[in-house]
Amino acid sequence: MPEKKQINMSIDNGAEFFAHETSVNFNPTQFVLDFRCITPRIDPRTKEVPLVALKHNVIMVDPWHAKEIMRILGNAVGQYEKQFGKIEQPKAVKKYLKEAKKLQKEPSVQKTQTPSYLG
């Protein structure tokens, strides 16, 4: 009878991370998912220039795994909506987009799509 071997394993789950922004890029061999957390900080040492903390978590996957992530996330969102109701755009976002659309029609106003944390 063969001897059973045991393995000791340590798992590092990493730190929790809230993403305020996400971008997805790709090339022929991989998709790059860039999750960003942008946090304005008040620091008494920087009296003239605001401090903005930017953290990135980047995940690179091959195209097949990107498609699997899309399928799994779609299933999870479907289950969430069955349990808690339809996910809708927050009222504050609707208001912001409506105001941004009005501003884009004005030729003298700079066009923006997302709020700027850099002032």
PDB file of N, CA and C in Angstrom:
ATOM      1  N   MET A   1       0.858  -1.174   0.000  1.00  0.00           N
ATOM      2  CA  MET A   1       0.000   0.000   0.000  1.00  0.00           C
ATOM      3  C   MET A   1       0.907   1.241   0.000  1.00  0.00           C
ATOM      4  N   PRO A   2       0.660   2.194  -0.933  1.00  0.00           N
ATOM      5  CA  PRO A   2       1.513   3.377  -1.001  1.00  0.00           C
ATOM      6  C   PRO A   2       1.307   4.281   0.210  1.00  0.00           C
ATOM      7  N   GLU A   3       2.391   4.924   0.590  1.00  0.00           N
ATOM      8  CA  GLU A   3       2.362   5.819   1.737  1.00  0.00           C
ATOM      9  C   GLU A   3       1.686   7.138   1.345  1.00  0.00           C
ATOM     10  N   LYS A   4       0.772   7.642   2.185  1.00  0.00           N
ATOM     11  CA  LYS A   4       0.105   8.918   1.908  1.00  0.00           C
ATOM     12  C   LYS A   4       1.010  10.049   2.347  1.00  0.00           C
ATOM     13  N   LYS A   5       1.145  11.042   1.459  1.00  0.00           N
ATOM     14  CA  LYS A   5       1.963  12.211   1.782  1.00  0.00           C
ATOM     15  C   LYS A   5       1.041  13.380   2.095  1.00  0.00           C
ATOM     16  N   GLN A   6       1.468  14.218   3.019  1.00  0.00           N
ATOM     17  CA  GLN A   6       0.703  15.406   3.390  1.00  0.00           C
ATOM     18  C   GLN A   6       1.463  16.645   2.945  1.00  0.00           C
ATOM     19  N   ILE A   7       0.712  17.689   2.683  1.00  0.00           N
ATOM     20  CA  ILE A   7       1.301  18.965   2.273  1.00  0.00           C
ATOM     21  C   ILE A   7       0.797  20.049   3.217  1.00  0.00           C
ATOM     22  N   ASN A   8       1.693  20.869   3.712  1.00  0.00           N
ATOM     23  CA  ASN A   8       1.312  22.060   4.466  1.00  0.00           C
ATOM     24  C   ASN A   8       1.234  23.211   3.475  1.00  0.00           C
ATOM     25  N   MET A   9       0.131  23.949   3.519  1.00  0.00           N
ATOM     26  CA  MET A   9      -0.063  25.025   2.564  1.00  0.00           C
ATOM     27  C   MET A   9      -0.415  26.316   3.293  1.00  0.00           C
ATOM     28  N   SER A  10       0.166  27.398   2.831  1.00  0.00           N
ATOM     29  CA  SER A  10      -0.158  28.715   3.353  1.00  0.00           C
ATOM     30  C   SER A  10      -0.771  29.529   2.216  1.00  0.00           C
ATOM     31  N   ILE A  11      -1.913  30.155   2.476  1.00  0.00           N
ATOM     32  CA  ILE A  11      -2.603  30.926   1.445  1.00  0.00           C
ATOM     33  C   ILE A  11      -2.619  32.397   1.845  1.00  0.00           C
ATOM     34  N   ASP A  12      -2.132  33.247   0.941  1.00  0.00           N
ATOM     35  CA  ASP A  12      -2.171  34.694   1.144  1.00  0.00           C
ATOM     36  C   ASP A  12      -3.334  35.236   0.327  1.00  0.00           C
ATOM     37  N   ASN A  13      -4.413  35.633   0.987  1.00  0.00           N
ATOM     38  CA  ASN A  13      -5.593  36.142   0.290  1.00  0.00           C
ATOM     39  C   ASN A  13      -5.436  37.585  -0.162  1.00  0.00           C
ATOM     40  N   GLY A  14      -4.392  38.274   0.251  1.00  0.00           N
ATOM     41  CA  GLY A  14      -4.196  39.669  -0.141  1.00  0.00           C
ATOM     42  C   GLY A  14      -5.104  40.595   0.650  1.00  0.00           C
ATOM     43  N   ALA A  15      -4.919  41.879   0.421  1.00  0.00           N
ATOM     44  CA  ALA A  15      -5.702  42.886   1.125  1.00  0.00           C
ATOM     45  C   ALA A  15      -6.997  43.165   0.373  1.00  0.00           C
ATOM     46  N   GLU A  16      -8.029  43.541   1.122  1.00  0.00           N
ATOM     47  CA  GLU A  16      -9.287  43.936   0.504  1.00  0.00           C
ATOM     48  C   GLU A  16      -9.044  45.208  -0.297  1.00  0.00           C
ATOM     49  N   PHE A  17      -9.838  45.387  -1.344  1.00  0.00           N
ATOM     50  CA  PHE A  17      -9.600  46.508  -2.238  1.00  0.00           C
ATOM     51  C   PHE A  17     -10.924  46.949  -2.831  1.00  0.00           C
ATOM     52  N   PHE A  18     -11.266  48.224  -2.687  1.00  0.00           N
ATOM     53  CA  PHE A  18     -12.474  48.771  -3.301  1.00  0.00           C
ATOM     54  C   PHE A  18     -12.060  49.524  -4.549  1.00  0.00           C
ATOM     55  N   ALA A  19     -12.624  49.172  -5.683  1.00  0.00           N
ATOM     56  CA  ALA A  19     -12.262  49.821  -6.943  1.00  0.00           C
ATOM     57  C   ALA A  19     -13.268  50.915  -7.279  1.00  0.00           C
ATOM     58  N   HIS A  20     -12.784  52.159  -7.365  1.00  0.00           N
ATOM     59  CA  HIS A  20     -13.617  53.271  -7.801  1.00  0.00           C
ATOM     60  C   HIS A  20     -13.691  53.325  -9.324  1.00  0.00           C
ATOM     61  N   GLU A  21     -12.653  52.856  -9.965  1.00  0.00           N
ATOM     62  CA  GLU A  21     -12.581  52.883 -11.423  1.00  0.00           C
ATOM     63  C   GLU A  21     -11.984  51.580 -11.920  1.00  0.00           C
ATOM     64  N   THR A  22     -12.375  51.192 -13.112  1.00  0.00           N
ATOM     65  CA  THR A  22     -11.839  49.981 -13.722  1.00  0.00           C
ATOM     66  C   THR A  22     -11.640  50.242 -15.201  1.00  0.00           C
ATOM     67  N   SER A  23     -10.541  49.770 -15.737  1.00  0.00           N
ATOM     68  CA  SER A  23     -10.362  49.812 -17.188  1.00  0.00           C
ATOM     69  C   SER A  23      -9.966  48.419 -17.653  1.00  0.00           C
ATOM     70  N   VAL A  24     -10.322  48.128 -18.885  1.00  0.00           N
ATOM     71  CA  VAL A  24      -9.997  46.836 -19.481  1.00  0.00           C
ATOM     72  C   VAL A  24      -9.332  47.100 -20.821  1.00  0.00           C
ATOM     73  N   ASN A  25      -8.168  46.531 -21.017  1.00  0.00           N
ATOM     74  CA  ASN A  25      -7.436  46.634 -22.273  1.00  0.00           C
ATOM     75  C   ASN A  25      -7.068  45.225 -22.713  1.00  0.00           C
ATOM     76  N   PHE A  26      -6.678  45.097 -23.967  1.00  0.00           N
ATOM     77  CA  PHE A  26      -6.291  43.768 -24.445  1.00  0.00           C
ATOM     78  C   PHE A  26      -5.286  43.882 -25.575  1.00  0.00           C
ATOM     79  N   ASN A  27      -4.579  42.795 -25.765  1.00  0.00           N
ATOM     80  CA  ASN A  27      -3.698  42.620 -26.911  1.00  0.00           C
ATOM     81  C   ASN A  27      -3.995  41.224 -27.449  1.00  0.00           C
ATOM     82  N   PRO A  28      -3.283  40.747 -28.445  1.00  0.00           N
ATOM     83  CA  PRO A  28      -3.641  39.441 -29.017  1.00  0.00           C
ATOM     84  C   PRO A  28      -3.595  38.265 -28.039  1.00  0.00           C
ATOM     85  N   THR A  29      -2.840  38.374 -26.948  1.00  0.00           N
ATOM     86  CA  THR A  29      -2.679  37.212 -26.071  1.00  0.00           C
ATOM     87  C   THR A  29      -3.266  37.367 -24.675  1.00  0.00           C
ATOM     88  N   GLN A  30      -3.682  38.579 -24.289  1.00  0.00           N
ATOM     89  CA  GLN A  30      -4.170  38.736 -22.925  1.00  0.00           C
ATOM     90  C   GLN A  30      -5.113  39.922 -22.771  1.00  0.00           C
ATOM     91  N   PHE A  31      -5.943  39.851 -21.726  1.00  0.00           N
ATOM     92  CA  PHE A  31      -6.758  40.967 -21.288  1.00  0.00           C
ATOM     93  C   PHE A  31      -6.124  41.502 -20.005  1.00  0.00           C
ATOM     94  N   VAL A  32      -6.131  42.818 -19.850  1.00  0.00           N
ATOM     95  CA  VAL A  32      -5.585  43.459 -18.663  1.00  0.00           C
ATOM     96  C   VAL A  32      -6.718  44.206 -17.973  1.00  0.00           C
ATOM     97  N   LEU A  33      -7.058  43.772 -16.772  1.00  0.00           N
ATOM     98  CA  LEU A  33      -8.089  44.416 -15.969  1.00  0.00           C
ATOM     99  C   LEU A  33      -7.367  45.247 -14.911  1.00  0.00           C
ATOM    100  N   ASP A  34      -7.553  46.550 -14.966  1.00  0.00           N
ATOM    101  CA  ASP A  34      -6.871  47.474 -14.059  1.00  0.00           C
ATOM    102  C   ASP A  34      -7.909  48.078 -13.125  1.00  0.00           C
ATOM    103  N   PHE A  35      -7.880  47.662 -11.866  1.00  0.00           N
ATOM    104  CA  PHE A  35      -8.785  48.175 -10.849  1.00  0.00           C
ATOM    105  C   PHE A  35      -8.062  49.271 -10.083  1.00  0.00           C
ATOM    106  N   ARG A  36      -8.706  50.455  -9.970  1.00  0.00           N
ATOM    107  CA  ARG A  36      -8.059  51.598  -9.318  1.00  0.00           C
ATOM    108  C   ARG A  36      -8.909  52.108  -8.160  1.00  0.00           C
ATOM    109  N   CYS A  37      -8.225  52.477  -7.114  1.00  0.00           N
ATOM    110  CA  CYS A  37      -8.833  53.127  -5.960  1.00  0.00           C
ATOM    111  C   CYS A  37      -8.184  54.503  -5.845  1.00  0.00           C
ATOM    112  N   ILE A  38      -8.990  55.548  -6.041  1.00  0.00           N
ATOM    113  CA  ILE A  38      -8.468  56.916  -6.000  1.00  0.00           C
ATOM    114  C   ILE A  38      -9.059  57.596  -4.774  1.00  0.00           C
ATOM    115  N   THR A  39      -8.189  58.038  -3.886  1.00  0.00           N
ATOM    116  CA  THR A  39      -8.646  58.606  -2.629  1.00  0.00           C
ATOM    117  C   THR A  39      -7.966  59.944  -2.358  1.00  0.00           C
ATOM    118  N   PRO A  40      -8.722  61.046  -2.388  1.00  0.00           N
ATOM    119  CA  PRO A  40      -8.131  62.325  -1.977  1.00  0.00           C
ATOM    120  C   PRO A  40      -7.800  62.274  -0.489  1.00  0.00           C
ATOM    121  N   ARG A  41      -6.636  62.761  -0.125  1.00  0.00           N
ATOM    122  CA  ARG A  41      -6.197  62.740   1.276  1.00  0.00           C
ATOM    123  C   ARG A  41      -5.939  64.160   1.748  1.00  0.00           C
ATOM    124  N   ILE A  42      -6.255  64.402   2.999  1.00  0.00           N
ATOM    125  CA  ILE A  42      -5.920  65.677   3.612  1.00  0.00           C
ATOM    126  C   ILE A  42      -4.694  65.435   4.466  1.00  0.00           C
ATOM    127  N   ASP A  43      -3.625  66.131   4.100  1.00  0.00           N
ATOM    128  CA  ASP A  43      -2.355  65.962   4.801  1.00  0.00           C
ATOM    129  C   ASP A  43      -1.844  67.357   5.160  1.00  0.00           C
ATOM    130  N   PRO A  44      -1.714  67.677   6.450  1.00  0.00           N
ATOM    131  CA  PRO A  44      -1.293  69.028   6.849  1.00  0.00           C
ATOM    132  C   PRO A  44       0.099  69.397   6.338  1.00  0.00           C
ATOM    133  N   ARG A  45       0.901  68.428   5.950  1.00  0.00           N
ATOM    134  CA  ARG A  45       2.247  68.718   5.444  1.00  0.00           C
ATOM    135  C   ARG A  45       2.214  69.263   4.022  1.00  0.00           C
ATOM    136  N   THR A  46       1.145  69.037   3.291  1.00  0.00           N
ATOM    137  CA  THR A  46       1.036  69.505   1.913  1.00  0.00           C
ATOM    138  C   THR A  46       0.012  70.623   1.854  1.00  0.00           C
ATOM    139  N   LYS A  47       0.444  71.838   2.173  1.00  0.00           N
ATOM    140  CA  LYS A  47      -0.468  72.972   2.272  1.00  0.00           C
ATOM    141  C   LYS A  47      -0.851  73.539   0.908  1.00  0.00           C
ATOM    142  N   GLU A  48       0.012  73.415  -0.090  1.00  0.00           N
ATOM    143  CA  GLU A  48      -0.260  74.041  -1.381  1.00  0.00           C
ATOM    144  C   GLU A  48      -0.862  73.078  -2.407  1.00  0.00           C
ATOM    145  N   VAL A  49      -0.512  71.821  -2.346  1.00  0.00           N
ATOM    146  CA  VAL A  49      -0.935  70.868  -3.365  1.00  0.00           C
ATOM    147  C   VAL A  49      -1.712  69.735  -2.694  1.00  0.00           C
ATOM    148  N   PRO A  50      -2.918  69.416  -3.212  1.00  0.00           N
ATOM    149  CA  PRO A  50      -3.666  68.300  -2.608  1.00  0.00           C
ATOM    150  C   PRO A  50      -2.965  66.973  -2.867  1.00  0.00           C
ATOM    151  N   LEU A  51      -3.125  66.077  -1.932  1.00  0.00           N
ATOM    152  CA  LEU A  51      -2.543  64.745  -2.055  1.00  0.00           C
ATOM    153  C   LEU A  51      -3.627  63.773  -2.511  1.00  0.00           C
ATOM    154  N   VAL A  52      -3.347  63.033  -3.558  1.00  0.00           N
ATOM    155  CA  VAL A  52      -4.274  62.031  -4.055  1.00  0.00           C
ATOM    156  C   VAL A  52      -3.556  60.688  -4.019  1.00  0.00           C
ATOM    157  N   ALA A  53      -4.141  59.724  -3.316  1.00  0.00           N
ATOM    158  CA  ALA A  53      -3.565  58.384  -3.240  1.00  0.00           C
ATOM    159  C   ALA A  53      -4.211  57.526  -4.321  1.00  0.00           C
ATOM    160  N   LEU A  54      -3.401  56.914  -5.156  1.00  0.00           N
ATOM    161  CA  LEU A  54      -3.886  56.062  -6.233  1.00  0.00           C
ATOM    162  C   LEU A  54      -3.269  54.685  -6.076  1.00  0.00           C
ATOM    163  N   LYS A  55      -4.134  53.689  -5.931  1.00  0.00           N
ATOM    164  CA  LYS A  55      -3.676  52.308  -5.823  1.00  0.00           C
ATOM    165  C   LYS A  55      -4.202  51.538  -7.024  1.00  0.00           C
ATOM    166  N   HIS A  56      -3.405  50.616  -7.515  1.00  0.00           N
ATOM    167  CA  HIS A  56      -3.799  49.775  -8.643  1.00  0.00           C
ATOM    168  C   HIS A  56      -3.735  48.310  -8.232  1.00  0.00           C
ATOM    169  N   ASN A  57      -4.677  47.548  -8.708  1.00  0.00           N
ATOM    170  CA  ASN A  57      -4.590  46.090  -8.704  1.00  0.00           C
ATOM    171  C   ASN A  57      -4.826  45.667 -10.138  1.00  0.00           C
ATOM    172  N   VAL A  58      -3.833  45.073 -10.745  1.00  0.00           N
ATOM    173  CA  VAL A  58      -3.912  44.692 -12.150  1.00  0.00           C
ATOM    174  C   VAL A  58      -3.993  43.168 -12.246  1.00  0.00           C
ATOM    175  N   ILE A  59      -4.939  42.714 -13.047  1.00  0.00           N
ATOM    176  CA  ILE A  59      -5.106  41.276 -13.284  1.00  0.00           C
ATOM    177  C   ILE A  59      -4.958  41.046 -14.775  1.00  0.00           C
ATOM    178  N   MET A  60      -4.095  40.117 -15.156  1.00  0.00           N
ATOM    179  CA  MET A  60      -3.893  39.779 -16.560  1.00  0.00           C
ATOM    180  C   MET A  60      -4.341  38.341 -16.771  1.00  0.00           C
ATOM    181  N   VAL A  61      -5.196  38.136 -17.776  1.00  0.00           N
ATOM    182  CA  VAL A  61      -5.706  36.801 -18.082  1.00  0.00           C
ATOM    183  C   VAL A  61      -5.695  36.591 -19.588  1.00  0.00           C
ATOM    184  N   ASP A  62      -5.684  35.323 -19.975  1.00  0.00           N
ATOM    185  CA  ASP A  62      -5.765  35.034 -21.406  1.00  0.00           C
ATOM    186  C   ASP A  62      -7.216  35.236 -21.858  1.00  0.00           C
ATOM    187  N   PRO A  63      -7.461  35.348 -23.179  1.00  0.00           N
ATOM    188  CA  PRO A  63      -8.813  35.633 -23.668  1.00  0.00           C
ATOM    189  C   PRO A  63      -9.872  34.640 -23.193  1.00  0.00           C
ATOM    190  N   TRP A  64      -9.554  33.355 -23.131  1.00  0.00           N
ATOM    191  CA  TRP A  64     -10.540  32.377 -22.689  1.00  0.00           C
ATOM    192  C   TRP A  64     -10.950  32.632 -21.243  1.00  0.00           C
ATOM    193  N   HIS A  65      -9.975  32.932 -20.371  1.00  0.00           N
ATOM    194  CA  HIS A  65     -10.304  33.205 -18.974  1.00  0.00           C
ATOM    195  C   HIS A  65     -11.085  34.519 -18.839  1.00  0.00           C
ATOM    196  N   ALA A  66     -10.810  35.498 -19.686  1.00  0.00           N
ATOM    197  CA  ALA A  66     -11.590  36.745 -19.667  1.00  0.00           C
ATOM    198  C   ALA A  66     -13.054  36.437 -19.952  1.00  0.00           C
ATOM    199  N   LYS A  67     -13.299  35.569 -20.918  1.00  0.00           N
ATOM    200  CA  LYS A  67     -14.672  35.196 -21.258  1.00  0.00           C
ATOM    201  C   LYS A  67     -15.325  34.426 -20.103  1.00  0.00           C
ATOM    202  N   GLU A  68     -14.571  33.585 -19.438  1.00  0.00           N
ATOM    203  CA  GLU A  68     -15.093  32.857 -18.275  1.00  0.00           C
ATOM    204  C   GLU A  68     -15.438  33.826 -17.137  1.00  0.00           C
ATOM    205  N   ILE A  69     -14.596  34.836 -16.915  1.00  0.00           N
ATOM    206  CA  ILE A  69     -14.889  35.845 -15.889  1.00  0.00           C
ATOM    207  C   ILE A  69     -16.200  36.539 -16.220  1.00  0.00           C
ATOM    208  N   MET A  70     -16.390  36.892 -17.497  1.00  0.00           N
ATOM    209  CA  MET A  70     -17.623  37.548 -17.932  1.00  0.00           C
ATOM    210  C   MET A  70     -18.836  36.644 -17.663  1.00  0.00           C
ATOM    211  N   ARG A  71     -18.715  35.360 -17.969  1.00  0.00           N
ATOM    212  CA  ARG A  71     -19.816  34.426 -17.750  1.00  0.00           C
ATOM    213  C   ARG A  71     -20.131  34.287 -16.260  1.00  0.00           C
ATOM    214  N   ILE A  72     -19.103  34.122 -15.444  1.00  0.00           N
ATOM    215  CA  ILE A  72     -19.286  33.941 -14.008  1.00  0.00           C
ATOM    216  C   ILE A  72     -19.880  35.196 -13.369  1.00  0.00           C
ATOM    217  N   LEU A  73     -19.379  36.365 -13.760  1.00  0.00           N
ATOM    218  CA  LEU A  73     -19.905  37.622 -13.218  1.00  0.00           C
ATOM    219  C   LEU A  73     -21.351  37.831 -13.652  1.00  0.00           C
ATOM    220  N   GLY A  74     -21.661  37.495 -14.905  1.00  0.00           N
ATOM    221  CA  GLY A  74     -23.044  37.590 -15.379  1.00  0.00           C
ATOM    222  C   GLY A  74     -23.980  36.706 -14.573  1.00  0.00           C
ATOM    223  N   ASN A  75     -23.549  35.484 -14.287  1.00  0.00           N
ATOM    224  CA  ASN A  75     -24.357  34.576 -13.461  1.00  0.00           C
ATOM    225  C   ASN A  75     -24.552  35.142 -12.053  1.00  0.00           C
ATOM    226  N   ALA A  76     -23.491  35.680 -11.474  1.00  0.00           N
ATOM    227  CA  ALA A  76     -23.571  36.231 -10.113  1.00  0.00           C
ATOM    228  C   ALA A  76     -24.512  37.432 -10.075  1.00  0.00           C
ATOM    229  N   VAL A  77     -24.449  38.304 -11.073  1.00  0.00           N
ATOM    230  CA  VAL A  77     -25.351  39.465 -11.125  1.00  0.00           C
ATOM    231  C   VAL A  77     -26.795  38.990 -11.281  1.00  0.00           C
ATOM    232  N   GLY A  78     -27.024  37.987 -12.107  1.00  0.00           N
ATOM    233  CA  GLY A  78     -28.370  37.434 -12.266  1.00  0.00           C
ATOM    234  C   GLY A  78     -28.919  36.885 -10.959  1.00  0.00           C
ATOM    235  N   GLN A  79     -28.104  36.157 -10.227  1.00  0.00           N
ATOM    236  CA  GLN A  79     -28.533  35.602  -8.937  1.00  0.00           C
ATOM    237  C   GLN A  79     -28.794  36.719  -7.933  1.00  0.00           C
ATOM    238  N   TYR A  80     -27.945  37.745  -7.937  1.00  0.00           N
ATOM    239  CA  TYR A  80     -28.120  38.891  -7.041  1.00  0.00           C
ATOM    240  C   TYR A  80     -29.471  39.554  -7.314  1.00  0.00           C
ATOM    241  N   GLU A  81     -29.765  39.792  -8.612  1.00  0.00           N
ATOM    242  CA  GLU A  81     -31.013  40.472  -8.961  1.00  0.00           C
ATOM    243  C   GLU A  81     -32.242  39.617  -8.622  1.00  0.00           C
ATOM    244  N   LYS A  82     -32.139  38.309  -8.730  1.00  0.00           N
ATOM    245  CA  LYS A  82     -33.242  37.433  -8.323  1.00  0.00           C
ATOM    246  C   LYS A  82     -33.508  37.566  -6.827  1.00  0.00           C
ATOM    247  N   GLN A  83     -32.429  37.682  -6.051  1.00  0.00           N
ATOM    248  CA  GLN A  83     -32.568  37.730  -4.604  1.00  0.00           C
ATOM    249  C   GLN A  83     -32.917  39.130  -4.093  1.00  0.00           C
ATOM    250  N   PHE A  84     -32.308  40.174  -4.674  1.00  0.00           N
ATOM    251  CA  PHE A  84     -32.451  41.524  -4.123  1.00  0.00           C
ATOM    252  C   PHE A  84     -33.173  42.517  -5.024  1.00  0.00           C
ATOM    253  N   GLY A  85     -33.481  42.145  -6.258  1.00  0.00           N
ATOM    254  CA  GLY A  85     -34.141  43.061  -7.186  1.00  0.00           C
ATOM    255  C   GLY A  85     -33.152  43.627  -8.205  1.00  0.00           C
ATOM    256  N   LYS A  86     -33.738  44.279  -9.219  1.00  0.00           N
ATOM    257  CA  LYS A  86     -32.944  44.795 -10.332  1.00  0.00           C
ATOM    258  C   LYS A  86     -31.927  45.834  -9.858  1.00  0.00           C
ATOM    259  N   ILE A  87     -30.714  45.718 -10.359  1.00  0.00           N
ATOM    260  CA  ILE A  87     -29.670  46.702 -10.070  1.00  0.00           C
ATOM    261  C   ILE A  87     -29.890  47.879 -11.014  1.00  0.00           C
ATOM    262  N   GLU A  88     -30.033  49.066 -10.442  1.00  0.00           N
ATOM    263  CA  GLU A  88     -30.253  50.264 -11.250  1.00  0.00           C
ATOM    264  C   GLU A  88     -29.172  51.292 -10.974  1.00  0.00           C
ATOM    265  N   GLN A  89     -29.020  52.174 -11.937  1.00  0.00           N
ATOM    266  CA  GLN A  89     -28.032  53.246 -11.803  1.00  0.00           C
ATOM    267  C   GLN A  89     -28.460  54.166 -10.656  1.00  0.00           C
ATOM    268  N   PRO A  90     -27.542  54.506  -9.741  1.00  0.00           N
ATOM    269  CA  PRO A  90     -27.894  55.381  -8.619  1.00  0.00           C
ATOM    270  C   PRO A  90     -28.400  56.751  -9.104  1.00  0.00           C
ATOM    271  N   LYS A  91     -29.315  57.339  -8.345  1.00  0.00           N
ATOM    272  CA  LYS A  91     -29.886  58.640  -8.710  1.00  0.00           C
ATOM    273  C   LYS A  91     -28.808  59.706  -8.878  1.00  0.00           C
ATOM    274  N   ALA A  92     -27.793  59.684  -8.030  1.00  0.00           N
ATOM    275  CA  ALA A  92     -26.726  60.691  -8.133  1.00  0.00           C
ATOM    276  C   ALA A  92     -25.975  60.566  -9.456  1.00  0.00           C
ATOM    277  N   VAL A  93     -25.769  59.337  -9.932  1.00  0.00           N
ATOM    278  CA  VAL A  93     -25.085  59.125 -11.210  1.00  0.00           C
ATOM    279  C   VAL A  93     -25.969  59.591 -12.359  1.00  0.00           C
ATOM    280  N   LYS A  94     -27.260  59.277 -12.292  1.00  0.00           N
ATOM    281  CA  LYS A  94     -28.199  59.742 -13.324  1.00  0.00           C
ATOM    282  C   LYS A  94     -28.177  61.265 -13.418  1.00  0.00           C
ATOM    283  N   LYS A  95     -28.205  61.922 -12.258  1.00  0.00           N
ATOM    284  CA  LYS A  95     -28.189  63.381 -12.222  1.00  0.00           C
ATOM    285  C   LYS A  95     -26.885  63.917 -12.813  1.00  0.00           C
ATOM    286  N   TYR A  96     -25.771  63.324 -12.427  1.00  0.00           N
ATOM    287  CA  TYR A  96     -24.467  63.762 -12.944  1.00  0.00           C
ATOM    288  C   TYR A  96     -24.412  63.621 -14.462  1.00  0.00           C
ATOM    289  N   LEU A  97     -24.849  62.478 -14.993  1.00  0.00           N
ATOM    290  CA  LEU A  97     -24.803  62.251 -16.433  1.00  0.00           C
ATOM    291  C   LEU A  97     -25.722  63.204 -17.184  1.00  0.00           C
ATOM    292  N   LYS A  98     -26.871  63.508 -16.598  1.00  0.00           N
ATOM    293  CA  LYS A  98     -27.801  64.454 -17.215  1.00  0.00           C
ATOM    294  C   LYS A  98     -27.162  65.841 -17.291  1.00  0.00           C
ATOM    295  N   GLU A  99     -26.525  66.274 -16.196  1.00  0.00           N
ATOM    296  CA  GLU A  99     -25.860  67.577 -16.179  1.00  0.00           C
ATOM    297  C   GLU A  99     -24.663  67.595 -17.123  1.00  0.00           C
ATOM    298  N   ALA A 100     -23.912  66.493 -17.184  1.00  0.00           N
ATOM    299  CA  ALA A 100     -22.754  66.418 -18.078  1.00  0.00           C
ATOM    300  C   ALA A 100     -23.199  66.486 -19.535  1.00  0.00           C
ATOM    301  N   LYS A 101     -24.333  65.870 -19.842  1.00  0.00           N
ATOM    302  CA  LYS A 101     -24.859  65.905 -21.213  1.00  0.00           C
ATOM    303  C   LYS A 101     -25.216  67.338 -21.610  1.00  0.00           C
ATOM    304  N   LYS A 102     -25.820  68.080 -20.665  1.00  0.00           N
ATOM    305  CA  LYS A 102     -26.146  69.493 -20.939  1.00  0.00           C
ATOM    306  C   LYS A 102     -24.877  70.298 -21.174  1.00  0.00           C
ATOM    307  N   LEU A 103     -23.858  70.053 -20.360  1.00  0.00           N
ATOM    308  CA  LEU A 103     -22.603  70.794 -20.491  1.00  0.00           C
ATOM    309  C   LEU A 103     -21.895  70.485 -21.798  1.00  0.00           C
ATOM    310  N   GLN A 104     -22.017  69.250 -22.288  1.00  0.00           N
ATOM    311  CA  GLN A 104     -21.360  68.878 -23.539  1.00  0.00           C
ATOM    312  C   GLN A 104     -21.952  69.624 -24.720  1.00  0.00           C
ATOM    313  N   LYS A 105     -23.187  70.056 -24.600  1.00  0.00           N
ATOM    314  CA  LYS A 105     -23.823  70.812 -25.679  1.00  0.00           C
ATOM    315  C   LYS A 105     -23.322  72.249 -25.733  1.00  0.00           C
ATOM    316  N   GLU A 106     -22.748  72.729 -24.615  1.00  0.00           N
ATOM    317  CA  GLU A 106     -22.218  74.094 -24.574  1.00  0.00           C
ATOM    318  C   GLU A 106     -20.795  74.083 -25.120  1.00  0.00           C
ATOM    319  N   PRO A 107     -20.497  74.859 -26.184  1.00  0.00           N
ATOM    320  CA  PRO A 107     -19.179  74.803 -26.830  1.00  0.00           C
ATOM    321  C   PRO A 107     -18.030  75.321 -25.967  1.00  0.00           C
ATOM    322  N   SER A 108     -18.317  76.174 -24.989  1.00  0.00           N
ATOM    323  CA  SER A 108     -17.230  76.764 -24.200  1.00  0.00           C
ATOM    324  C   SER A 108     -16.843  75.944 -22.982  1.00  0.00           C
ATOM    325  N   VAL A 109     -17.546  74.854 -22.738  1.00  0.00           N
ATOM    326  CA  VAL A 109     -17.296  74.042 -21.546  1.00  0.00           C
ATOM    327  C   VAL A 109     -16.475  72.813 -21.923  1.00  0.00           C
ATOM    328  N   GLN A 110     -15.448  72.522 -21.112  1.00  0.00           N
ATOM    329  CA  GLN A 110     -14.629  71.331 -21.344  1.00  0.00           C
ATOM    330  C   GLN A 110     -15.459  70.082 -21.096  1.00  0.00           C
ATOM    331  N   LYS A 111     -15.366  69.119 -21.997  1.00  0.00           N
ATOM    332  CA  LYS A 111     -16.135  67.884 -21.876  1.00  0.00           C
ATOM    333  C   LYS A 111     -15.416  66.905 -20.959  1.00  0.00           C
ATOM    334  N   THR A 112     -16.158  66.336 -19.988  1.00  0.00           N
ATOM    335  CA  THR A 112     -15.612  65.306 -19.120  1.00  0.00           C
ATOM    336  C   THR A 112     -16.614  64.169 -19.019  1.00  0.00           C
ATOM    337  N   GLN A 113     -16.113  62.974 -18.797  1.00  0.00           N
ATOM    338  CA  GLN A 113     -17.005  61.824 -18.640  1.00  0.00           C
ATOM    339  C   GLN A 113     -17.059  61.350 -17.207  1.00  0.00           C
ATOM    340  N   THR A 114     -16.002  61.576 -16.448  1.00  0.00           N
ATOM    341  CA  THR A 114     -15.978  61.144 -15.058  1.00  0.00           C
ATOM    342  C   THR A 114     -15.468  62.276 -14.202  1.00  0.00           C
ATOM    343  N   PRO A 115     -15.863  62.317 -12.925  1.00  0.00           N
ATOM    344  CA  PRO A 115     -15.367  63.371 -12.047  1.00  0.00           C
ATOM    345  C   PRO A 115     -13.855  63.292 -11.898  1.00  0.00           C
ATOM    346  N   SER A 116     -13.217  64.430 -11.761  1.00  0.00           N
ATOM    347  CA  SER A 116     -11.766  64.459 -11.601  1.00  0.00           C
ATOM    348  C   SER A 116     -11.415  64.650 -10.136  1.00  0.00           C
ATOM    349  N   TYR A 117     -10.576  63.801  -9.624  1.00  0.00           N
ATOM    350  CA  TYR A 117     -10.116  63.925  -8.249  1.00  0.00           C
ATOM    351  C   TYR A 117      -8.930  64.885  -8.165  1.00  0.00           C
ATOM    352  N   LEU A 118      -8.438  65.332  -9.297  1.00  0.00           N
ATOM    353  CA  LEU A 118      -7.241  66.170  -9.324  1.00  0.00           C
ATOM    354  C   LEU A 118      -7.578  67.653  -9.376  1.00  0.00           C
ATOM    355  N   GLY A 119      -8.859  67.996  -9.361  1.00  0.00           N
ATOM    356  CA  GLY A 119      -9.275  69.401  -9.298  1.00  0.00           C
ATOM    357  C   GLY A 119      -9.289  70.115 -10.601  1.00  0.00           C
TER     358      GLY A 119
END
